[in-house]
Protein backbone atom coordinates (compact mmCIF):
# COMPACT_ATOMS: atom_id res chain seq x y z
CA MET A 1 102.97 103.37 37.98
CA GLY A 2 99.89 104.58 39.83
CA SER A 3 98.97 105.96 43.30
CA GLY A 4 97.60 104.45 46.40
CA ALA A 5 95.96 105.61 49.42
CA PHE A 6 98.79 107.82 50.89
CA GLY A 7 101.15 107.84 48.05
CA LYS A 8 102.31 107.60 44.43
CA VAL A 9 104.34 104.43 43.38
CA HIS A 10 107.05 105.06 40.60
CA LEU A 11 108.89 102.59 38.74
CA ALA A 12 112.66 103.13 39.37
CA TRP A 13 116.10 101.85 38.62
CA ASP A 14 118.29 100.98 41.64
CA THR A 15 121.89 102.16 40.59
CA GLU A 16 123.51 100.39 43.56
CA ASP A 17 121.92 97.11 43.34
CA HIS A 18 121.23 96.86 39.51
CA ARG A 19 117.47 95.97 39.46
CA TRP A 20 114.02 97.46 39.14
CA VAL A 21 112.18 98.51 42.15
CA ALA A 22 108.96 100.18 43.19
CA LEU A 23 109.43 103.52 44.79
CA LYS A 24 106.49 104.76 46.86
CA GLU A 25 106.54 108.48 47.79
CA PHE A 26 104.14 109.84 50.42
CA ALA A 27 102.07 112.44 48.64
CA GLY A 28 99.51 113.26 51.23
CA SER A 29 99.31 116.49 53.51
CA ASP A 30 97.90 115.20 56.65
CA GLU A 31 100.00 114.02 59.51
CA LEU A 32 97.82 110.88 60.21
CA GLY A 33 98.51 109.50 56.70
CA LEU A 34 102.17 109.95 57.37
CA LEU A 35 101.95 108.07 60.41
CA ARG A 36 100.47 105.11 58.75
CA PHE A 37 103.22 105.55 56.11
CA VAL A 38 105.81 105.12 58.59
CA ILE A 39 104.21 102.25 60.15
CA GLU A 40 104.01 100.49 56.70
CA SER A 41 107.64 100.75 56.38
CA ARG A 42 108.22 99.24 59.75
CA ILE A 43 106.18 95.93 59.03
CA ARG A 44 108.98 93.64 57.75
CA VAL A 45 107.82 89.98 58.03
CA GLU A 46 110.06 87.79 55.91
CA HIS A 47 107.92 85.49 53.75
CA PRO A 48 108.22 84.64 50.13
CA HIS A 49 104.53 85.86 49.38
CA LEU A 50 104.97 89.16 51.04
CA VAL A 51 106.36 92.22 49.23
CA ARG A 52 110.02 92.79 50.59
CA THR A 53 111.07 96.40 51.93
CA LEU A 54 114.20 97.21 50.47
CA ALA A 55 114.72 100.62 51.90
CA PHE A 56 112.96 103.43 53.78
CA ARG A 57 114.15 107.13 53.75
CA LEU A 58 113.17 110.21 55.66
CA ILE A 59 114.46 113.53 54.87
CA ASP A 60 112.81 116.47 56.47
CA ASP A 61 109.19 116.27 55.28
CA LYS A 62 110.03 113.55 52.47
CA ALA A 63 109.22 109.86 53.09
CA ILE A 64 110.08 107.37 50.56
CA LEU A 65 109.55 103.78 50.62
CA VAL A 66 111.24 101.30 48.24
CA THR A 67 110.07 97.65 47.89
CA GLU A 68 110.72 94.77 45.31
CA LEU A 69 108.79 95.04 42.19
CA ALA A 70 106.03 92.73 41.22
CA ARG A 71 106.51 92.58 37.47
CA GLY A 72 103.18 90.97 36.90
CA GLY A 73 101.01 93.74 38.07
CA SER A 74 98.13 93.48 40.44
CA LEU A 75 95.14 90.94 40.21
CA ARG A 76 92.76 93.70 39.65
CA GLN A 77 94.76 94.73 36.33
CA LEU A 78 94.93 90.75 35.34
CA MET A 79 91.07 90.43 36.12
CA SER A 80 90.24 93.69 33.92
CA ARG A 81 92.32 91.97 31.08
CA HIS A 82 91.58 88.30 31.56
CA GLY A 83 88.16 88.41 32.93
CA LYS A 84 87.04 85.08 34.66
CA LEU A 85 89.76 83.17 36.24
CA PRO A 86 90.00 79.42 36.23
CA TRP A 87 89.35 77.85 39.81
CA GLN A 88 92.64 76.01 39.87
CA TRP A 89 94.45 79.29 39.45
CA VAL A 90 92.53 80.95 42.09
CA ALA A 91 92.71 78.07 44.62
CA GLU A 92 96.60 78.37 44.17
CA ILE A 93 96.29 82.18 44.66
CA VAL A 94 94.14 81.72 47.93
CA ASP A 95 96.57 79.03 49.12
CA GLN A 96 99.58 81.38 48.85
CA LEU A 97 97.69 84.24 50.43
CA LEU A 98 96.76 82.39 53.41
CA ASP A 99 100.33 81.13 53.70
CA ALA A 100 101.54 84.84 53.73
CA LEU A 101 98.74 86.09 56.33
CA ALA A 102 99.75 83.31 58.88
CA PRO A 103 103.01 84.91 59.88
CA LEU A 104 101.66 88.32 59.73
CA HIS A 105 98.75 87.49 62.13
CA ALA A 106 101.23 85.72 64.42
CA THR A 107 103.12 88.99 64.80
CA GLY A 108 99.83 90.88 65.49
CA VAL A 109 99.63 92.61 62.05
CA ILE A 110 96.16 92.82 60.48
CA HIS A 111 96.29 94.00 56.98
CA ARG A 112 92.61 95.39 56.65
CA ASP A 113 92.65 96.08 53.12
CA LEU A 114 92.90 92.82 51.14
CA LYS A 115 91.56 93.17 47.68
CA PRO A 116 92.65 92.32 44.12
CA ALA A 117 94.35 95.67 43.64
CA ASN A 118 96.80 94.89 46.67
CA LEU A 119 97.66 91.38 45.61
CA LEU A 120 100.55 91.26 43.13
CA LEU A 121 102.23 88.89 40.78
CA ARG A 122 105.96 88.57 41.29
CA ASP A 123 106.51 87.39 37.60
CA ALA A 124 104.98 88.12 34.07
CA GLY A 125 103.75 85.78 31.46
CA ALA A 126 102.09 82.32 31.63
CA ALA A 127 103.57 80.41 34.75
CA ARG A 128 102.45 79.10 37.92
CA PRO A 129 101.61 82.40 39.85
CA HIS A 130 103.74 83.61 42.66
CA LEU A 131 101.74 85.95 44.88
CA LEU A 132 103.09 89.00 46.61
CA VAL A 133 100.96 90.72 49.18
CA GLY A 134 101.40 94.52 49.32
CA ASP A 135 100.10 97.86 50.51
CA PHE A 136 100.14 97.89 54.27
CA GLY A 137 99.35 101.42 54.38
CA ILE A 138 96.34 100.91 56.62
CA ALA A 139 97.27 97.65 58.48
CA THR A 140 97.12 97.58 62.35
CA TRP A 141 100.25 96.57 64.08
CA ARG A 142 100.59 95.08 67.50
CA THR A 143 98.82 97.62 70.01
CA VAL A 144 99.17 100.47 67.47
CA SER A 145 95.90 101.95 66.35
CA LEU A 146 95.44 105.08 64.24
CA THR A 147 91.73 104.80 63.79
CA GLY A 148 89.28 106.71 65.78
CA ILE A 149 86.99 105.14 68.04
CA GLY A 150 84.08 103.64 66.01
CA ALA A 151 85.67 104.18 62.74
CA ALA A 152 86.33 101.66 60.19
CA ILE A 153 88.79 102.17 57.20
CA GLY A 154 89.33 99.98 54.28
CA THR A 155 87.74 99.36 50.98
CA PRO A 156 83.91 98.87 50.90
CA GLY A 157 82.83 95.54 49.93
CA TYR A 158 85.68 93.74 51.51
CA LEU A 159 85.21 94.80 55.17
CA ALA A 160 83.91 92.20 57.44
CA PRO A 161 80.42 93.26 58.97
CA GLU A 162 81.70 92.94 62.62
CA TYR A 163 84.43 95.35 61.87
CA LEU A 164 81.88 97.86 60.27
CA ASP A 165 79.80 97.46 63.46
CA GLY A 166 82.73 98.85 65.48
CA HIS A 167 84.58 95.88 66.68
CA SER A 168 88.42 95.94 66.47
CA PRO A 169 90.11 94.25 63.49
CA THR A 170 91.06 90.61 64.08
CA PRO A 171 92.63 87.84 61.84
CA ALA A 172 88.97 86.95 61.06
CA THR A 173 88.50 90.45 59.31
CA ASP A 174 91.10 89.40 56.93
CA LEU A 175 89.72 85.90 56.29
CA PHE A 176 86.39 87.66 55.38
CA ALA A 177 87.99 89.61 52.66
CA VAL A 178 90.07 86.45 51.26
CA GLY A 179 86.67 84.75 50.92
CA VAL A 180 85.09 87.72 48.86
CA LEU A 181 87.96 88.50 46.61
CA ALA A 182 88.25 84.77 45.76
CA ALA A 183 84.82 84.74 44.44
CA GLU A 184 85.30 88.11 42.39
CA LEU A 185 88.56 86.33 40.89
CA LEU A 186 86.26 83.41 39.91
CA ALA A 187 83.64 85.74 38.49
CA GLY A 188 86.11 88.15 36.73
CA ARG A 189 84.42 91.17 37.99
CA ARG A 190 83.26 93.16 41.21
CA LEU A 191 80.36 91.28 42.88
CA VAL A 192 79.99 92.77 46.30
CA HIS A 193 77.64 95.68 46.99
CA MET A 194 79.37 98.83 48.46
CA SER A 195 78.01 98.25 52.04
CA ASN A 196 78.27 95.18 53.70
CA SER A 197 77.42 95.91 57.13
CA SER A 198 75.34 93.27 59.14
CA ALA A 199 72.21 95.13 58.49
CA ASP A 200 72.61 94.86 54.79
CA ILE A 201 74.05 91.20 54.46
CA PRO A 202 70.95 88.74 54.09
CA SER A 203 70.65 85.94 56.42
CA ASP A 204 71.46 83.41 53.81
CA TRP A 205 74.72 85.10 52.90
CA THR A 206 76.69 82.01 53.55
CA HIS A 207 74.66 80.17 50.90
CA GLY A 208 74.54 83.24 48.57
CA LEU A 209 78.17 84.25 48.20
CA PRO A 210 78.28 84.36 44.59
CA VAL A 211 80.86 81.64 43.38
CA ALA A 212 80.92 80.45 39.70
CA ASP A 213 78.93 77.07 38.76
CA ASP A 214 81.98 75.20 37.60
CA VAL A 215 83.78 75.72 41.06
CA PRO A 216 83.98 72.16 42.83
CA ALA A 217 81.45 72.00 45.74
CA HIS A 218 84.14 71.52 48.36
CA LEU A 219 86.07 74.51 47.29
CA ALA A 220 83.06 76.76 47.09
CA ALA A 221 82.29 75.66 50.71
CA VAL A 222 85.50 76.81 51.83
CA LEU A 223 85.21 80.20 50.18
CA ARG A 224 81.71 80.83 51.71
CA ARG A 225 82.98 79.83 55.15
CA LEU A 226 85.83 82.43 54.77
CA ALA A 227 83.28 85.03 54.00
CA ASP A 228 80.68 84.16 56.42
CA PRO A 229 79.19 87.10 58.04
CA ASP A 230 79.31 85.58 61.63
CA PRO A 231 83.08 85.62 62.60
CA ALA A 232 82.35 82.69 65.02
CA ARG A 233 81.46 80.43 61.98
CA ARG A 234 84.62 81.36 60.12
CA TYR A 235 87.86 79.47 60.30
CA VAL A 236 89.81 79.97 63.61
CA ASP A 237 92.75 81.08 61.67
CA CYS A 238 94.75 80.96 58.50
CA VAL A 239 96.33 77.60 59.20
CA GLN A 240 92.77 76.02 59.75
CA ALA A 241 91.48 77.54 56.59
CA ARG A 242 94.62 76.51 54.62
CA GLU A 243 94.17 72.96 55.77
CA ALA A 244 90.53 73.01 54.51
CA LEU A 245 91.63 74.64 51.17
CA LEU A 246 94.30 71.76 50.72
CA ALA A 247 91.73 69.17 51.33
CA ALA A 248 89.24 70.84 48.96
CA ALA A 249 91.66 71.76 46.20
CA PRO A 250 94.95 69.87 46.68
CA PRO A 251 97.96 71.14 44.54
CA SER A 252 97.79 67.88 42.51
CA VAL A 253 94.61 69.32 40.73
CA ARG A 254 95.80 72.87 40.13
CA GLY A 255 98.03 72.36 37.36
CA GLY A 256 97.64 71.85 33.50
CA GLU A 257 96.12 74.02 30.88
CA ALA A 258 94.14 76.01 33.58
CA ILE A 259 97.15 77.44 35.09
CA ALA A 260 98.98 78.09 31.76
CA SER A 261 96.03 79.94 30.33
CA VAL A 262 96.46 82.77 32.53
CA HIS A 263 98.85 85.21 31.12
CA ALA A 264 100.05 87.95 33.52
CA GLY A 265 100.95 91.38 32.08
CA ASP A 266 104.55 92.78 32.43
CA LEU A 267 105.34 96.25 33.86
CA LEU A 268 108.64 96.33 32.07
CA ALA A 269 107.26 95.74 28.64
CA ASN A 270 106.99 99.35 27.50
CA LEU A 271 110.09 100.98 28.70
CA PRO A 272 111.03 104.22 27.07
CA GLU A 273 114.14 104.63 24.82
CA GLY A 274 117.22 104.31 26.83
CA TRP A 275 115.94 101.78 29.13
CA ALA A 276 115.77 97.92 29.00
CA VAL A 277 114.76 95.10 31.36
CA GLU A 278 118.42 94.72 32.22
CA GLY A 279 118.58 98.52 33.04
CA PRO A 280 119.69 101.75 31.38
CA THR A 281 121.33 101.44 27.94
CA VAL A 282 122.38 104.90 27.58
CA GLY A 283 126.19 105.52 27.01
CA PRO A 284 128.78 106.89 29.50
CA ALA A 285 127.80 110.56 28.40
CA ASP A 286 124.11 110.26 29.22
CA ALA A 287 124.88 108.41 32.50
CA LEU A 288 123.69 109.69 35.90
CA THR A 289 125.48 112.76 36.99
CA VAL A 290 126.06 113.47 40.52
CA VAL A 291 126.46 117.03 41.74
CA ARG A 292 128.15 117.10 45.05
CA PRO A 293 127.92 120.23 47.33
CA PRO A 294 130.99 121.95 48.70
CA ALA A 295 132.52 120.29 51.71
CA GLY A 296 130.77 121.41 54.96
CA SER A 297 127.67 122.28 53.02
CA GLN A 298 124.30 121.45 54.75
CA GLU A 299 122.91 120.69 51.28
CA LEU A 300 122.30 117.15 50.01
CA THR A 301 123.72 115.75 46.92
CA ARG A 302 121.78 116.54 43.77
CA TRP A 303 121.19 113.75 41.31
CA VAL A 304 120.63 114.91 37.74
CA VAL A 305 118.97 112.29 35.44
CA PRO A 306 118.61 112.81 31.80
CA ARG A 307 115.18 112.29 30.44
CA HIS A 308 114.50 110.32 27.34
CA GLU A 309 111.59 110.91 24.80
CA THR A 310 108.99 108.14 25.35
CA LYS A 311 106.73 106.41 22.93
CA GLY A 312 103.08 106.39 24.34
CA ASN A 313 102.03 106.35 27.81
CA THR A 314 104.94 104.64 29.36
CA SER A 315 106.91 104.99 32.66
CA PRO A 316 109.23 106.80 33.36
CA ARG A 317 107.34 109.81 32.16
CA SER A 318 108.58 111.68 29.13
CA GLY A 319 109.88 115.30 29.35
CA ASP A 320 112.60 117.55 28.15
CA GLY A 321 115.76 118.43 29.84
CA GLU A 322 116.73 117.33 33.22
CA SER A 323 114.87 115.92 36.04
CA THR A 324 116.39 116.89 39.36
CA TRP A 325 115.81 115.94 43.07
CA ASP A 326 116.85 118.97 45.05
CA ARG A 327 116.92 119.20 48.93
CA PRO A 328 113.24 119.31 50.11
CA ARG A 329 112.07 122.17 52.19
CA LYS A 330 112.31 121.57 55.80
CA GLY A 331 108.83 120.75 57.50
CA ARG A 332 109.41 120.97 61.11
CA ARG A 333 106.00 120.02 62.05
CA ARG A 334 106.15 116.81 59.95
CA ALA A 335 109.51 115.90 61.51
CA ALA A 336 108.13 116.21 64.82
CA VAL A 337 105.02 113.72 63.71
CA LEU A 338 107.61 111.44 62.44
CA LEU A 339 109.52 111.34 65.77
CA VAL A 340 106.08 110.86 67.72
CA ALA A 341 105.44 107.96 65.27
CA LEU A 342 108.67 106.21 65.80
CA LEU A 343 108.42 106.68 69.46
CA VAL A 344 104.90 105.07 69.22
CA LEU A 345 106.58 102.04 67.41
CA GLY A 346 109.03 101.66 70.05
CA GLY A 347 112.55 102.61 71.08
CA ALA A 348 114.07 100.37 68.57
CA GLY A 349 112.20 102.43 65.75
CA ALA A 350 113.45 105.73 67.27
CA ALA A 351 117.05 104.55 67.31
CA VAL A 352 116.91 103.42 63.78
CA TYR A 353 115.62 107.16 62.87
CA PHE A 354 118.26 108.86 64.45
CA ALA A 355 121.04 106.52 63.53
CA THR A 356 119.94 106.64 59.81
CA ARG A 357 118.51 110.34 59.18
CA GLY A 358 119.77 111.12 55.66
CA ALA A 359 120.57 107.47 55.08
CA SER A 360 118.77 104.58 53.73
CA VAL A 361 117.71 101.57 55.82
CA ASP A 362 117.72 98.08 54.07
CA GLY A 363 114.92 95.51 54.81
CA ARG A 364 117.19 94.13 57.79
CA GLY A 365 117.35 97.50 59.46
CA THR A 366 120.86 98.20 58.50
CA ALA A 367 122.16 101.18 56.73
CA ALA A 368 122.01 100.73 53.10
CA ASN A 369 124.82 103.02 52.18
CA SER A 370 127.25 101.22 54.60
CA ALA A 371 130.11 99.70 52.47
CA THR A 372 130.52 96.46 54.26
CA THR A 373 129.61 94.86 57.46
CA THR A 374 132.31 92.58 59.53
CA GLN A 375 132.23 89.48 61.48
CA PRO A 376 134.79 88.11 63.85
CA ALA A 377 136.78 85.47 62.22
CA ALA A 378 136.89 81.94 63.83
CA GLU A 379 139.62 81.26 66.50
CA SER A 380 142.53 79.39 65.27
CA GLY A 381 143.04 75.97 66.83
CA THR A 382 139.21 75.27 67.15
CA GLY A 383 138.85 73.32 64.02
CA THR A 384 136.27 75.80 62.59
CA VAL A 385 136.88 76.85 59.08
CA SER A 386 137.09 80.67 58.92
CA PRO A 387 135.21 82.25 55.97
CA PRO A 388 137.32 82.95 53.03
CA SER A 389 137.93 86.59 51.79
CA VAL A 390 137.49 85.61 48.26
CA PHE A 391 135.84 82.30 46.89
CA THR A 392 135.05 80.61 43.54
CA ALA A 393 131.54 80.67 42.76
CA VAL A 394 130.09 77.21 42.08
CA SER A 395 126.46 77.44 40.46
CA ALA A 396 123.42 75.51 41.30
CA GLY A 397 121.05 76.97 38.72
CA GLU A 398 119.53 80.04 38.04
CA CYS A 399 117.47 82.21 40.31
CA SER A 400 115.21 85.24 40.19
CA ARG A 401 116.22 88.75 40.42
CA VAL A 402 114.17 89.43 43.41
CA ASP A 403 115.90 86.60 45.35
CA ILE A 404 119.14 88.20 45.26
CA GLY A 405 120.89 88.01 48.81
CA ARG A 406 118.49 85.22 49.78
CA LEU A 407 119.76 82.12 51.26
CA ARG A 408 118.06 78.36 50.80
CA THR A 409 119.18 74.90 51.87
CA VAL A 410 119.13 72.13 49.37
CA ALA A 411 120.23 68.65 50.29
CA GLY A 412 121.70 70.03 53.48
CA LYS A 413 123.86 72.55 51.86
CA GLN A 414 123.10 76.36 51.84
CA GLN A 415 122.97 78.40 48.65
CA ARG A 416 122.74 82.06 48.04
CA CYS A 417 121.37 83.92 45.22
CA GLN A 418 123.85 86.55 43.77
CA ARG A 419 124.79 88.14 40.40
CA VAL A 420 127.25 86.52 38.05
CA PRO A 421 129.64 87.88 35.50
CA GLY A 422 128.02 88.62 32.24
CA GLY A 423 124.63 89.40 33.63
CA GLY A 424 121.90 87.38 35.40
CA GLN A 425 122.19 85.74 38.76
CA ASN A 426 122.45 82.20 39.98
CA TRP A 427 122.18 80.03 43.20
CA ILE A 428 125.70 79.60 44.53
CA LEU A 429 126.96 77.15 46.69
CA GLU A 430 128.23 78.22 50.19
CA PRO A 431 132.01 77.80 50.26
CA ALA A 432 133.70 76.26 53.15
CA GLY A 433 133.82 78.34 56.03
CA GLY A 434 130.78 80.40 54.95
CA PHE A 435 130.35 83.30 52.62
CA PRO A 436 132.76 86.12 53.05
CA ALA A 437 131.31 88.92 55.12
CA ALA A 438 132.54 91.37 52.69
CA SER A 439 131.01 89.93 49.77
CA ALA A 440 128.15 91.73 48.07
CA PRO A 441 125.54 89.15 46.45
CA GLU A 442 124.09 92.35 44.34
CA GLY A 443 127.57 93.91 43.76
CA SER A 444 129.48 94.71 40.61
CA PHE A 445 132.35 92.79 38.92
CA PRO A 446 135.52 94.03 37.44
CA GLY A 447 135.02 95.71 34.21
CA GLU A 448 131.68 96.83 34.89
CA ARG A 449 130.66 100.62 34.90
CA CYS A 450 130.74 102.64 38.13
CA GLY A 451 129.91 106.13 39.36
CA ASN A 452 132.72 108.19 40.93
CA ASP A 453 136.36 107.63 40.86
CA GLY A 454 137.80 106.63 44.03
CA ASP A 455 134.52 104.79 45.11
CA ARG A 456 135.22 101.27 46.75
CA ALA A 457 133.15 98.23 46.83
CA TYR A 458 132.92 94.46 46.99
CA SER A 459 132.06 91.96 44.28
CA PRO A 460 129.77 89.04 44.94
CA VAL A 461 132.74 86.71 45.36
CA GLY A 462 134.45 89.02 47.88
CA HIS A 463 137.00 90.80 45.52
CA GLN A 464 137.69 94.40 46.87
CA LEU A 465 136.94 96.90 43.99
CA ARG A 466 137.78 100.53 43.26
CA CYS A 467 136.35 102.72 40.63
CA ARG A 468 138.68 104.17 38.30
CA GLY A 469 137.76 106.02 34.98
CA GLY A 470 134.26 104.94 35.43
CA VAL A 471 135.08 101.39 35.53
CA TRP A 472 135.34 98.90 38.48
CA GLY A 473 138.88 97.34 38.82
CA SER A 474 140.70 95.44 41.51
CA ALA A 475 141.36 97.90 44.63
């Protein structure tokens, strides 16, 4: 799909969880870049407007980060296609952005590279935008700093002047970028000059931040204060800035035709032959082939994926024959760097590294290839209802694919987003005693295709499954 500061980003199909994901592969050659890549994988603050990390894998000198897919693409792509964006739409984006930055700043994370290219839209089409903040490749985390003394990294034009003057990044650094990028979205083009150090910014920058004429004065004042060259005159934090934004442009004035007029693109609109939004459409003979090494071999499993001819410039890339992922060459120096990085990030990070070397780690820090997790059942005689082993799913409406596995509370009752038979996903009411520990919200159902005979898994409602003849059935 593209390339970033430290890696290439691919559109990928998750064969275990049956969903499209973004797969970021570190493509740099310097150890410092690899260290930052590791730090990016460890920044996991749960928030609906932050891109979720789904897995991180280290194999010798290979580093791969898997995140949820933002199907609507970036705001940079949207701006290049749509041009000037309505102020109501931009106000909604800034509101969600400030809401997402608040918990990041509270945990000591400064993004440092906020710009339209790193702000993503979860959904395609014309709908109220759902922002996802991504690309934490150069973020600072707690007391970890990988920037040399007096050095500033980021994208020129969005960097706060005090940061360029050698001061350490703070939440105010991100607030400056929010004001600048908001003005760009309103204009539909890049406005700021390539250098915005204190010496280059005129004294009347607060009054001169280019804001479109049709933007309400109160909203323009909020954006100009966000981008004030003096950090002391900016808002104290995201909470204060968001309160000012809500007063200047409350949600009640952000709807209507202005929101509906913005159409986000769709990264899944031009999939190659053999692929659909719901996943691969190839027959069993063309399915993924797994070449397993002999018992006791040190070689990794090799996955053979048949390639399909594409029409036009689409993703995955077209080609002839097979695409294989063999065991990468060992990189002892790079492995040592990874170990140092994890030690810098703390003992917990090192523990995760050694416990999961050669295994995926999901967004909660658990091994992604673990079949199930177990919980102690409630003691009898206490009046507590034990979780059922299997339950009947009661739907409370549809949910988004990226929400699978998430919990929410509605009218005092908990619901979970999970797959349902026949495709799609719904919010399911929690059964008495809670969801079974062995149920897998992203799991398969009996009758669906599986990979290897003998494999075992659990369905979303708790049924134990076994793979026979390429089809899941009751264990």
